[in-house]
């Protein structure tokens, strides 16, 4: 098997390295959360960075490609997609107030600060995401996998969701998504429109002190 550059790709595990999360897309936004099994903490890597003697050359939705001595090794998260969660009306009411597919929830500013802004590892851990394209055009950002311990899960996100708009602004470029990410530092309300199993859901998130 060969990659797009024609190099031979050897699909094998690099036993010491574990991929915990990925964000795919252009090099400006693509990130991978990787750790050594023997070390307690993970590090966030960008394309082109050195990882224990390997160079990170590509990030996919569930894989990272590392190059060394002209050979490319692939680390796969081996994360199987879980069936799409369908919440009962009782469960939905417990998680937030709903009205015509609208969910109102609150999240503390301290939690956002602690789990996202102060430690980006937490935001990436257990997440696989990337641009959602239709006819070559970005029409949202798809969450291929969201682990229950990730803050996005507690905010309402589920595996398979496609985030279409944030505060009324369409997610039609990765650069715009990064700018919106920065607003987490100051905004006190987020209206997130997403598609789940073909249906639109609006999450109205209020940030409390």
N, C-alpha and C. Protein backbone atom coordinates (compact mmCIF):
# COMPACT_ATOMS: atom_id res chain seq x y z
N UNK A 1 0.85 -1.19 0.00
CA UNK A 1 0.00 0.00 0.00
C UNK A 1 0.88 1.23 0.00
N UNK A 2 0.44 2.30 -0.67
CA UNK A 2 1.24 3.52 -0.74
C UNK A 2 0.39 4.71 -0.39
N UNK A 3 1.02 5.77 0.15
CA UNK A 3 0.28 6.98 0.45
C UNK A 3 0.27 7.87 -0.78
N UNK A 4 -0.31 9.10 -0.65
CA UNK A 4 -0.47 9.98 -1.79
C UNK A 4 0.84 10.42 -2.39
N UNK A 5 1.93 10.37 -1.62
CA UNK A 5 3.23 10.80 -2.13
C UNK A 5 3.98 9.66 -2.80
N UNK A 6 3.41 8.44 -2.75
CA UNK A 6 4.04 7.31 -3.40
C UNK A 6 4.94 6.51 -2.49
N UNK A 7 5.11 6.95 -1.24
CA UNK A 7 5.94 6.21 -0.31
C UNK A 7 5.23 4.95 0.16
N UNK A 8 6.00 3.93 0.43
CA UNK A 8 5.43 2.68 0.93
C UNK A 8 4.96 2.89 2.36
N UNK A 9 3.74 2.48 2.64
CA UNK A 9 3.17 2.63 3.97
C UNK A 9 3.14 1.28 4.66
N UNK A 10 3.82 1.18 5.78
CA UNK A 10 3.82 -0.05 6.54
C UNK A 10 2.83 0.11 7.68
N UNK A 11 1.67 -0.57 7.57
CA UNK A 11 0.63 -0.44 8.57
C UNK A 11 0.97 -1.32 9.77
N UNK A 12 1.47 -0.72 10.82
CA UNK A 12 1.86 -1.48 11.99
C UNK A 12 1.74 -0.60 13.22
N UNK A 13 1.66 -1.23 14.36
CA UNK A 13 1.61 -0.49 15.61
C UNK A 13 3.01 -0.11 16.04
N UNK A 14 3.16 1.07 16.56
CA UNK A 14 4.39 1.43 17.24
C UNK A 14 4.05 1.29 18.71
N UNK A 15 4.47 0.17 19.27
CA UNK A 15 3.96 -0.27 20.56
C UNK A 15 4.03 0.76 21.67
N UNK A 16 5.04 1.59 21.65
CA UNK A 16 5.21 2.53 22.75
C UNK A 16 4.31 3.76 22.63
N UNK A 17 3.76 4.01 21.45
CA UNK A 17 2.98 5.22 21.22
C UNK A 17 1.49 4.91 21.14
N UNK A 18 0.70 5.78 21.76
CA UNK A 18 -0.75 5.62 21.77
C UNK A 18 -1.39 6.92 21.32
N UNK A 19 -2.31 6.84 20.37
CA UNK A 19 -3.06 8.01 19.92
C UNK A 19 -4.35 8.11 20.73
N UNK A 20 -4.53 9.24 21.42
CA UNK A 20 -5.70 9.42 22.27
C UNK A 20 -6.79 10.26 21.61
N UNK A 21 -6.41 11.08 20.64
CA UNK A 21 -7.39 11.93 19.98
C UNK A 21 -6.80 12.58 18.75
N UNK A 22 -7.66 12.91 17.79
CA UNK A 22 -7.20 13.57 16.57
C UNK A 22 -8.20 14.61 16.11
N UNK A 23 -7.68 15.64 15.47
CA UNK A 23 -8.49 16.59 14.72
C UNK A 23 -7.87 16.67 13.34
N UNK A 24 -8.61 16.26 12.32
CA UNK A 24 -8.07 16.26 10.97
C UNK A 24 -8.41 17.56 10.27
N UNK A 25 -7.74 17.80 9.15
CA UNK A 25 -7.95 19.03 8.39
C UNK A 25 -6.63 19.56 7.89
N UNK A 26 -6.60 20.83 7.44
CA UNK A 26 -5.34 21.43 6.98
C UNK A 26 -4.30 21.44 8.10
N UNK A 27 -3.04 21.59 7.71
CA UNK A 27 -1.95 21.57 8.69
C UNK A 27 -2.11 22.63 9.77
N UNK A 28 -2.81 23.72 9.44
CA UNK A 28 -2.98 24.80 10.41
C UNK A 28 -3.88 24.41 11.57
N UNK A 29 -4.73 23.39 11.38
CA UNK A 29 -5.67 23.01 12.42
C UNK A 29 -5.49 21.57 12.89
N UNK A 30 -4.92 20.72 12.05
CA UNK A 30 -4.78 19.30 12.39
C UNK A 30 -3.92 19.12 13.63
N UNK A 31 -4.40 18.28 14.55
CA UNK A 31 -3.69 18.02 15.79
C UNK A 31 -3.85 16.54 16.16
N UNK A 32 -2.87 16.02 16.88
CA UNK A 32 -2.96 14.65 17.39
C UNK A 32 -2.48 14.65 18.83
N UNK A 33 -3.22 13.96 19.68
CA UNK A 33 -2.85 13.82 21.08
C UNK A 33 -2.22 12.44 21.24
N UNK A 34 -0.92 12.42 21.54
CA UNK A 34 -0.16 11.17 21.56
C UNK A 34 0.64 11.06 22.85
N UNK A 35 0.73 9.85 23.37
CA UNK A 35 1.54 9.62 24.57
C UNK A 35 2.29 8.31 24.45
N UNK A 36 3.35 8.23 25.22
CA UNK A 36 4.05 6.96 25.39
C UNK A 36 3.38 6.19 26.51
N UNK A 37 3.26 4.89 26.36
CA UNK A 37 2.60 4.09 27.38
C UNK A 37 3.32 4.19 28.72
N UNK A 38 4.62 4.41 28.67
CA UNK A 38 5.40 4.45 29.90
C UNK A 38 5.38 5.82 30.57
N UNK A 39 4.74 6.81 29.93
CA UNK A 39 4.70 8.15 30.49
C UNK A 39 3.28 8.51 30.90
N UNK A 40 3.14 9.31 31.97
CA UNK A 40 1.81 9.60 32.51
C UNK A 40 0.98 10.57 31.68
N UNK A 41 1.62 11.47 30.95
CA UNK A 41 0.87 12.51 30.25
C UNK A 41 1.10 12.45 28.74
N UNK A 42 0.14 13.01 28.01
CA UNK A 42 0.22 13.05 26.55
C UNK A 42 0.64 14.44 26.09
N UNK A 43 1.02 14.52 24.82
CA UNK A 43 1.41 15.79 24.23
C UNK A 43 0.60 16.02 22.96
N UNK A 44 0.36 17.29 22.63
CA UNK A 44 -0.33 17.64 21.40
C UNK A 44 0.71 17.91 20.31
N UNK A 45 0.52 17.28 19.17
CA UNK A 45 1.48 17.41 18.07
C UNK A 45 0.81 17.96 16.82
N UNK A 46 1.59 18.75 16.07
CA UNK A 46 1.15 19.27 14.78
C UNK A 46 1.94 18.55 13.68
N UNK A 47 1.45 18.65 12.46
CA UNK A 47 2.14 18.05 11.33
C UNK A 47 3.52 18.70 11.18
N UNK A 48 4.53 17.84 11.01
CA UNK A 48 5.90 18.32 10.87
C UNK A 48 6.71 18.23 12.14
N UNK A 49 6.05 17.98 13.28
CA UNK A 49 6.76 17.92 14.55
C UNK A 49 7.43 16.56 14.74
N UNK A 50 8.47 16.55 15.55
CA UNK A 50 9.20 15.32 15.87
C UNK A 50 8.52 14.61 17.04
N UNK A 51 8.34 13.29 16.88
CA UNK A 51 7.76 12.47 17.94
C UNK A 51 8.71 11.31 18.20
N UNK A 52 9.58 11.47 19.15
CA UNK A 52 10.52 10.43 19.54
C UNK A 52 11.28 9.86 18.33
N UNK A 53 11.79 10.76 17.50
CA UNK A 53 12.59 10.35 16.36
C UNK A 53 11.82 10.17 15.07
N UNK A 54 10.49 10.20 15.14
CA UNK A 54 9.65 10.13 13.95
C UNK A 54 9.15 11.54 13.62
N UNK A 55 8.83 11.78 12.36
CA UNK A 55 8.23 13.03 11.95
C UNK A 55 6.76 12.80 11.63
N UNK A 56 5.89 13.59 12.25
CA UNK A 56 4.46 13.47 11.99
C UNK A 56 4.15 14.10 10.63
N UNK A 57 3.69 13.29 9.68
CA UNK A 57 3.49 13.78 8.32
C UNK A 57 2.03 13.87 7.91
N UNK A 58 1.14 13.18 8.65
CA UNK A 58 -0.26 13.20 8.24
C UNK A 58 -1.14 12.81 9.42
N UNK A 59 -2.31 13.46 9.52
CA UNK A 59 -3.29 13.14 10.56
C UNK A 59 -4.63 12.87 9.89
N UNK A 60 -5.15 11.66 10.08
CA UNK A 60 -6.47 11.31 9.58
C UNK A 60 -7.46 11.30 10.74
N UNK A 61 -8.70 10.90 10.43
CA UNK A 61 -9.73 10.87 11.46
C UNK A 61 -9.41 9.90 12.59
N UNK A 62 -8.72 8.81 12.29
CA UNK A 62 -8.42 7.83 13.32
C UNK A 62 -6.98 7.35 13.28
N UNK A 63 -6.17 7.95 12.43
CA UNK A 63 -4.79 7.49 12.27
C UNK A 63 -3.82 8.65 12.21
N UNK A 64 -2.58 8.37 12.62
CA UNK A 64 -1.50 9.32 12.39
C UNK A 64 -0.40 8.59 11.63
N UNK A 65 0.30 9.33 10.79
CA UNK A 65 1.35 8.76 9.94
C UNK A 65 2.69 9.37 10.35
N UNK A 66 3.62 8.50 10.74
CA UNK A 66 4.93 8.93 11.20
C UNK A 66 6.00 8.44 10.24
N UNK A 67 6.94 9.32 9.90
CA UNK A 67 7.96 8.97 8.92
C UNK A 67 9.34 8.95 9.57
N UNK A 68 10.10 7.91 9.20
CA UNK A 68 11.47 7.79 9.69
C UNK A 68 12.27 6.96 8.70
N UNK A 69 13.42 7.47 8.29
CA UNK A 69 14.30 6.76 7.36
C UNK A 69 13.56 6.37 6.07
N UNK A 70 12.70 7.26 5.59
CA UNK A 70 12.00 7.02 4.35
C UNK A 70 10.82 6.08 4.44
N UNK A 71 10.56 5.54 5.63
CA UNK A 71 9.45 4.61 5.82
C UNK A 71 8.36 5.28 6.65
N UNK A 72 7.12 5.02 6.28
CA UNK A 72 5.98 5.60 7.01
C UNK A 72 5.31 4.52 7.85
N UNK A 73 5.18 4.81 9.13
CA UNK A 73 4.47 3.92 10.05
C UNK A 73 3.12 4.55 10.39
N UNK A 74 2.13 3.71 10.60
CA UNK A 74 0.77 4.18 10.88
C UNK A 74 0.34 3.74 12.27
N UNK A 75 -0.14 4.69 13.06
CA UNK A 75 -0.73 4.35 14.36
C UNK A 75 -2.23 4.57 14.25
N UNK A 76 -2.99 3.55 14.54
CA UNK A 76 -4.45 3.59 14.43
C UNK A 76 -5.06 3.61 15.83
N UNK A 77 -6.02 4.48 16.04
CA UNK A 77 -6.69 4.53 17.33
C UNK A 77 -7.50 3.26 17.59
N UNK A 78 -7.84 2.53 16.53
CA UNK A 78 -8.66 1.32 16.62
C UNK A 78 -9.95 1.58 17.38
N UNK A 79 -10.46 2.79 17.27
CA UNK A 79 -11.70 3.13 17.97
C UNK A 79 -12.87 2.80 17.08
N UNK A 80 -13.64 1.79 17.48
CA UNK A 80 -14.82 1.41 16.71
C UNK A 80 -15.93 2.39 16.99
N UNK A 81 -16.63 2.74 15.94
CA UNK A 81 -17.77 3.64 16.11
C UNK A 81 -18.85 2.95 16.94
N UNK A 82 -19.34 3.66 17.94
CA UNK A 82 -20.44 3.14 18.73
C UNK A 82 -21.75 3.54 18.08
N UNK A 83 -22.79 2.73 18.27
CA UNK A 83 -24.09 3.09 17.70
C UNK A 83 -24.52 4.47 18.17
N UNK A 84 -25.14 5.21 17.27
CA UNK A 84 -25.62 6.55 17.61
C UNK A 84 -26.56 6.48 18.80
N UNK A 85 -26.33 7.32 19.79
CA UNK A 85 -27.17 7.32 20.97
C UNK A 85 -28.49 8.01 20.67
N UNK A 86 -29.57 7.37 21.05
CA UNK A 86 -30.88 7.97 20.91
C UNK A 86 -31.44 8.15 22.31
N UNK A 87 -31.59 9.39 22.73
CA UNK A 87 -32.05 9.67 24.08
C UNK A 87 -33.57 9.60 24.14
N UNK A 88 -34.07 8.99 25.19
CA UNK A 88 -35.51 9.00 25.41
C UNK A 88 -35.92 10.39 25.85
N UNK A 89 -37.19 10.70 25.78
CA UNK A 89 -37.65 12.03 26.17
C UNK A 89 -37.36 12.29 27.64
N UNK A 90 -37.43 11.23 28.47
CA UNK A 90 -37.15 11.40 29.89
C UNK A 90 -35.68 11.73 30.11
N UNK A 91 -34.78 11.01 29.39
CA UNK A 91 -33.35 11.29 29.52
C UNK A 91 -33.03 12.70 29.05
N UNK A 92 -33.66 13.12 27.96
CA UNK A 92 -33.40 14.45 27.42
C UNK A 92 -33.83 15.52 28.40
N UNK A 93 -34.97 15.33 29.05
CA UNK A 93 -35.44 16.32 30.01
C UNK A 93 -34.51 16.39 31.20
N UNK A 94 -33.88 15.25 31.56
CA UNK A 94 -32.95 15.26 32.67
C UNK A 94 -31.69 16.04 32.32
N UNK A 95 -31.31 16.03 31.04
CA UNK A 95 -30.08 16.70 30.63
C UNK A 95 -30.31 18.17 30.33
N UNK A 96 -31.51 18.57 30.03
CA UNK A 96 -31.77 19.96 29.73
C UNK A 96 -33.21 20.15 29.33
N UNK A 97 -33.63 21.41 29.24
CA UNK A 97 -34.99 21.72 28.85
C UNK A 97 -35.08 21.74 27.33
N UNK A 98 -35.99 20.97 26.77
CA UNK A 98 -36.08 20.88 25.32
C UNK A 98 -37.40 21.43 24.82
N UNK A 99 -37.37 21.99 23.64
CA UNK A 99 -38.57 22.46 22.97
C UNK A 99 -38.28 22.48 21.49
N UNK A 100 -39.01 21.65 20.73
CA UNK A 100 -38.80 21.53 19.29
C UNK A 100 -37.32 21.39 18.95
N UNK A 101 -36.70 20.34 19.51
CA UNK A 101 -35.30 20.02 19.24
C UNK A 101 -34.34 21.11 19.71
N UNK A 102 -34.71 21.83 20.73
CA UNK A 102 -33.83 22.83 21.33
C UNK A 102 -33.51 22.41 22.76
N UNK A 103 -32.24 22.39 23.10
CA UNK A 103 -31.80 21.97 24.43
C UNK A 103 -31.10 23.14 25.10
N UNK A 104 -31.57 23.49 26.29
CA UNK A 104 -30.96 24.58 27.05
C UNK A 104 -30.17 23.97 28.20
N UNK A 105 -28.88 24.29 28.27
CA UNK A 105 -28.03 23.74 29.31
C UNK A 105 -27.13 24.84 29.87
N UNK A 106 -26.58 24.57 31.04
CA UNK A 106 -25.63 25.50 31.66
C UNK A 106 -24.31 24.79 31.91
N UNK A 107 -23.23 25.53 31.77
CA UNK A 107 -21.91 25.00 32.07
C UNK A 107 -21.11 26.10 32.75
N UNK A 108 -20.34 25.74 33.75
CA UNK A 108 -19.62 26.76 34.51
C UNK A 108 -18.38 27.24 33.76
N UNK A 109 -18.08 28.51 33.95
CA UNK A 109 -16.89 29.09 33.34
C UNK A 109 -15.64 28.40 33.87
N UNK A 110 -15.70 28.01 35.14
CA UNK A 110 -14.55 27.34 35.76
C UNK A 110 -14.27 26.00 35.07
N UNK A 111 -15.34 25.28 34.69
CA UNK A 111 -15.16 23.99 34.03
C UNK A 111 -14.55 24.17 32.65
N UNK A 112 -15.01 25.19 31.91
CA UNK A 112 -14.43 25.47 30.60
C UNK A 112 -12.96 25.85 30.74
N UNK A 113 -12.68 26.68 31.74
CA UNK A 113 -11.30 27.11 31.97
C UNK A 113 -10.40 25.93 32.29
N UNK A 114 -10.89 25.07 33.18
CA UNK A 114 -10.08 23.95 33.63
C UNK A 114 -9.92 22.86 32.57
N UNK A 115 -11.01 22.52 31.89
CA UNK A 115 -11.00 21.37 30.99
C UNK A 115 -10.65 21.71 29.55
N UNK A 116 -10.69 23.00 29.19
CA UNK A 116 -10.42 23.37 27.80
C UNK A 116 -9.29 24.37 27.68
N UNK A 117 -9.46 25.53 28.28
CA UNK A 117 -8.51 26.62 28.06
C UNK A 117 -7.16 26.38 28.73
N UNK A 118 -7.19 25.83 29.95
CA UNK A 118 -5.93 25.61 30.67
C UNK A 118 -5.21 24.35 30.22
N UNK A 119 -5.94 23.42 29.63
CA UNK A 119 -5.35 22.14 29.26
C UNK A 119 -6.00 21.61 27.99
N UNK A 120 -5.40 21.92 26.84
CA UNK A 120 -5.97 21.50 25.57
C UNK A 120 -5.97 19.99 25.42
N UNK A 121 -5.10 19.30 26.19
CA UNK A 121 -5.10 17.83 26.15
C UNK A 121 -6.49 17.30 26.50
N UNK A 122 -7.13 17.92 27.50
CA UNK A 122 -8.45 17.46 27.92
C UNK A 122 -9.48 17.62 26.80
N UNK A 123 -9.35 18.71 26.05
CA UNK A 123 -10.31 18.97 24.98
C UNK A 123 -10.18 17.96 23.85
N UNK A 124 -8.96 17.47 23.61
CA UNK A 124 -8.72 16.54 22.51
C UNK A 124 -8.86 15.08 22.92
N UNK A 125 -8.65 14.78 24.19
CA UNK A 125 -8.63 13.40 24.64
C UNK A 125 -9.97 12.72 24.38
N UNK A 126 -9.93 11.64 23.60
CA UNK A 126 -11.15 10.88 23.32
C UNK A 126 -11.99 11.44 22.19
N UNK A 127 -11.44 12.39 21.42
CA UNK A 127 -12.20 13.01 20.33
C UNK A 127 -11.54 12.73 18.99
N UNK A 128 -12.36 12.37 18.00
CA UNK A 128 -11.91 12.31 16.61
C UNK A 128 -12.85 13.20 15.82
N UNK A 129 -12.31 14.19 15.15
CA UNK A 129 -13.15 15.14 14.44
C UNK A 129 -12.45 15.65 13.19
N UNK A 130 -13.23 16.17 12.26
CA UNK A 130 -12.66 16.71 11.04
C UNK A 130 -13.71 17.43 10.22
N UNK A 131 -13.28 18.19 9.22
CA UNK A 131 -14.23 18.93 8.37
C UNK A 131 -15.21 17.99 7.68
N UNK A 132 -16.47 18.43 7.60
CA UNK A 132 -17.51 17.67 6.90
C UNK A 132 -17.73 18.34 5.55
N UNK A 133 -17.42 17.63 4.48
CA UNK A 133 -17.48 18.21 3.14
C UNK A 133 -18.63 17.62 2.32
N UNK A 134 -19.27 18.50 1.57
CA UNK A 134 -20.30 18.10 0.61
C UNK A 134 -19.90 18.70 -0.73
N UNK A 135 -19.61 17.84 -1.70
CA UNK A 135 -19.17 18.33 -3.00
C UNK A 135 -17.89 19.13 -2.93
N UNK A 136 -17.01 18.75 -2.01
CA UNK A 136 -15.73 19.44 -1.86
C UNK A 136 -15.78 20.69 -1.02
N UNK A 137 -16.97 21.09 -0.59
CA UNK A 137 -17.13 22.31 0.20
C UNK A 137 -17.39 21.95 1.66
N UNK A 138 -16.72 22.66 2.57
CA UNK A 138 -16.93 22.42 4.00
C UNK A 138 -18.30 22.95 4.41
N UNK A 139 -19.11 22.05 4.98
CA UNK A 139 -20.44 22.44 5.45
C UNK A 139 -20.65 22.05 6.90
N UNK A 140 -19.58 22.09 7.65
CA UNK A 140 -19.67 21.77 9.07
C UNK A 140 -18.43 21.04 9.54
N UNK A 141 -18.47 20.62 10.80
CA UNK A 141 -17.36 19.90 11.40
C UNK A 141 -17.94 18.66 12.05
N UNK A 142 -17.48 17.48 11.60
CA UNK A 142 -18.06 16.23 12.09
C UNK A 142 -17.27 15.66 13.26
N UNK A 143 -18.02 15.24 14.28
CA UNK A 143 -17.43 14.58 15.44
C UNK A 143 -17.56 13.07 15.21
N UNK A 144 -16.50 12.46 14.71
CA UNK A 144 -16.55 11.04 14.40
C UNK A 144 -16.67 10.20 15.67
N UNK A 145 -16.05 10.67 16.74
CA UNK A 145 -16.11 9.94 18.00
C UNK A 145 -15.93 10.91 19.16
N UNK A 146 -16.81 10.81 20.16
CA UNK A 146 -16.71 11.64 21.37
C UNK A 146 -16.84 10.72 22.57
N UNK A 147 -15.78 10.62 23.36
CA UNK A 147 -15.80 9.75 24.53
C UNK A 147 -16.63 10.39 25.65
N UNK A 148 -17.31 9.58 26.46
CA UNK A 148 -18.16 10.11 27.54
C UNK A 148 -17.43 10.98 28.55
N UNK A 149 -16.11 10.81 28.70
CA UNK A 149 -15.38 11.60 29.69
C UNK A 149 -14.94 12.96 29.14
N UNK A 150 -15.14 13.20 27.84
CA UNK A 150 -14.72 14.47 27.25
C UNK A 150 -15.74 15.56 27.54
N UNK A 151 -15.27 16.80 27.68
CA UNK A 151 -16.15 17.92 28.01
C UNK A 151 -17.21 18.14 26.94
N UNK A 152 -16.89 17.83 25.68
CA UNK A 152 -17.88 18.00 24.61
C UNK A 152 -19.09 17.09 24.84
N UNK A 153 -18.84 15.92 25.41
CA UNK A 153 -19.94 14.99 25.70
C UNK A 153 -20.86 15.58 26.76
N UNK A 154 -20.26 16.17 27.80
CA UNK A 154 -21.07 16.76 28.87
C UNK A 154 -21.84 17.98 28.37
N UNK A 155 -21.34 18.60 27.29
CA UNK A 155 -22.04 19.75 26.71
C UNK A 155 -23.15 19.30 25.75
N UNK A 156 -23.23 17.98 25.49
CA UNK A 156 -24.31 17.47 24.66
C UNK A 156 -23.88 16.81 23.37
N UNK A 157 -22.60 16.90 23.00
CA UNK A 157 -22.13 16.33 21.73
C UNK A 157 -22.11 14.82 21.79
N UNK A 158 -22.38 14.19 20.65
CA UNK A 158 -22.37 12.74 20.54
C UNK A 158 -21.63 12.33 19.27
N UNK A 159 -21.11 11.10 19.26
CA UNK A 159 -20.42 10.58 18.08
C UNK A 159 -21.35 10.64 16.87
N UNK A 160 -20.82 11.16 15.77
CA UNK A 160 -21.61 11.26 14.55
C UNK A 160 -22.24 12.62 14.32
N UNK A 161 -22.25 13.48 15.35
CA UNK A 161 -22.83 14.82 15.19
C UNK A 161 -22.04 15.64 14.17
N UNK A 162 -22.77 16.48 13.45
CA UNK A 162 -22.14 17.42 12.52
C UNK A 162 -22.48 18.83 12.98
N UNK A 163 -21.50 19.56 13.47
CA UNK A 163 -21.72 20.93 13.93
C UNK A 163 -21.83 21.84 12.71
N UNK A 164 -22.99 22.49 12.55
CA UNK A 164 -23.23 23.32 11.37
C UNK A 164 -23.02 24.81 11.62
N UNK A 165 -23.49 25.30 12.77
CA UNK A 165 -23.36 26.73 13.08
C UNK A 165 -23.06 26.92 14.56
N UNK A 166 -22.31 27.98 14.85
CA UNK A 166 -22.07 28.39 16.22
C UNK A 166 -22.39 29.87 16.31
N UNK A 167 -23.32 30.21 17.20
CA UNK A 167 -23.79 31.60 17.35
C UNK A 167 -24.21 32.20 16.01
N UNK A 168 -24.89 31.37 15.21
CA UNK A 168 -25.43 31.84 13.94
C UNK A 168 -24.45 31.87 12.79
N UNK A 169 -23.17 31.60 13.07
CA UNK A 169 -22.15 31.64 12.03
C UNK A 169 -21.91 30.24 11.47
N UNK A 170 -22.01 30.06 10.15
CA UNK A 170 -21.78 28.74 9.57
C UNK A 170 -20.32 28.31 9.70
N UNK A 171 -20.11 27.03 9.98
CA UNK A 171 -18.76 26.48 10.05
C UNK A 171 -18.37 26.04 8.65
N UNK A 172 -17.87 26.96 7.85
CA UNK A 172 -17.53 26.65 6.46
C UNK A 172 -16.03 26.73 6.19
N UNK A 173 -15.24 26.85 7.25
CA UNK A 173 -13.79 26.81 7.11
C UNK A 173 -13.18 26.45 8.45
N UNK A 174 -12.04 25.78 8.41
CA UNK A 174 -11.38 25.41 9.66
C UNK A 174 -10.84 26.64 10.39
N UNK A 175 -10.47 27.66 9.62
CA UNK A 175 -9.98 28.89 10.23
C UNK A 175 -11.07 29.56 11.07
N UNK A 176 -12.30 29.55 10.54
CA UNK A 176 -13.41 30.15 11.27
C UNK A 176 -13.68 29.38 12.56
N UNK A 177 -13.54 28.05 12.49
CA UNK A 177 -13.75 27.23 13.68
C UNK A 177 -12.74 27.59 14.76
N UNK A 178 -11.48 27.81 14.37
CA UNK A 178 -10.45 28.16 15.35
C UNK A 178 -10.73 29.52 15.98
N UNK A 179 -11.24 30.47 15.18
CA UNK A 179 -11.58 31.78 15.73
C UNK A 179 -12.71 31.67 16.73
N UNK A 180 -13.69 30.82 16.41
CA UNK A 180 -14.81 30.63 17.32
C UNK A 180 -14.36 29.95 18.61
N UNK A 181 -13.36 29.07 18.48
CA UNK A 181 -12.80 28.40 19.66
C UNK A 181 -12.25 29.43 20.64
N UNK A 182 -11.66 30.50 20.10
CA UNK A 182 -11.09 31.54 20.94
C UNK A 182 -12.16 32.28 21.74
N UNK A 183 -13.40 32.31 21.22
CA UNK A 183 -14.45 33.04 21.92
C UNK A 183 -14.86 32.35 23.23
N UNK A 184 -14.41 31.10 23.41
CA UNK A 184 -14.69 30.41 24.67
C UNK A 184 -14.16 31.19 25.87
N UNK A 185 -13.13 32.00 25.63
CA UNK A 185 -12.50 32.73 26.72
C UNK A 185 -13.39 33.85 27.25
N UNK A 186 -14.28 34.38 26.40
CA UNK A 186 -15.02 35.57 26.80
C UNK A 186 -16.54 35.44 26.72
N UNK A 187 -17.07 34.65 25.80
CA UNK A 187 -18.52 34.58 25.62
C UNK A 187 -19.21 33.91 26.80
N UNK A 188 -20.43 34.35 27.06
CA UNK A 188 -21.21 33.78 28.17
C UNK A 188 -22.39 32.95 27.66
N UNK A 189 -22.52 32.86 26.33
CA UNK A 189 -23.61 32.07 25.76
C UNK A 189 -23.19 31.55 24.39
N UNK A 190 -23.50 30.29 24.14
CA UNK A 190 -23.19 29.68 22.85
C UNK A 190 -24.43 28.99 22.32
N UNK A 191 -24.79 29.30 21.09
CA UNK A 191 -25.90 28.62 20.43
C UNK A 191 -25.29 27.76 19.33
N UNK A 192 -25.36 26.45 19.53
CA UNK A 192 -24.71 25.51 18.62
C UNK A 192 -25.78 24.72 17.87
N UNK A 193 -25.76 24.82 16.55
CA UNK A 193 -26.70 24.08 15.72
C UNK A 193 -25.98 22.90 15.10
N UNK A 194 -26.52 21.70 15.32
CA UNK A 194 -25.87 20.51 14.80
C UNK A 194 -26.89 19.56 14.18
N UNK A 195 -26.37 18.69 13.35
CA UNK A 195 -27.20 17.67 12.71
C UNK A 195 -26.88 16.32 13.33
N UNK A 196 -27.94 15.62 13.74
CA UNK A 196 -27.77 14.30 14.35
C UNK A 196 -28.78 13.34 13.72
N UNK A 197 -28.27 12.33 13.05
CA UNK A 197 -29.13 11.33 12.39
C UNK A 197 -30.14 11.99 11.46
N UNK A 198 -29.69 13.02 10.73
CA UNK A 198 -30.55 13.67 9.76
C UNK A 198 -31.47 14.73 10.32
N UNK A 199 -31.45 14.95 11.64
CA UNK A 199 -32.31 15.95 12.27
C UNK A 199 -31.46 17.06 12.88
N UNK A 200 -31.98 18.28 12.82
CA UNK A 200 -31.27 19.42 13.39
C UNK A 200 -31.62 19.59 14.86
N UNK A 201 -30.61 19.84 15.68
CA UNK A 201 -30.78 20.10 17.10
C UNK A 201 -30.01 21.37 17.45
N UNK A 202 -30.62 22.22 18.25
CA UNK A 202 -29.96 23.44 18.70
C UNK A 202 -29.66 23.34 20.19
N UNK A 203 -28.40 23.52 20.54
CA UNK A 203 -27.99 23.55 21.94
C UNK A 203 -27.74 25.00 22.35
N UNK A 204 -28.47 25.44 23.36
CA UNK A 204 -28.32 26.79 23.90
C UNK A 204 -27.56 26.66 25.21
N UNK A 205 -26.27 26.96 25.18
CA UNK A 205 -25.40 26.77 26.35
C UNK A 205 -25.12 28.10 27.03
N UNK A 206 -25.48 28.18 28.29
CA UNK A 206 -25.22 29.38 29.08
C UNK A 206 -24.03 29.14 30.00
N UNK A 207 -23.07 30.05 29.95
CA UNK A 207 -21.87 29.93 30.77
C UNK A 207 -22.08 30.70 32.07
N UNK A 208 -22.08 29.98 33.18
CA UNK A 208 -22.29 30.61 34.48
C UNK A 208 -20.97 30.83 35.19
N UNK A 209 -20.96 31.78 36.10
CA UNK A 209 -19.74 32.07 36.87
C UNK A 209 -19.48 30.97 37.89
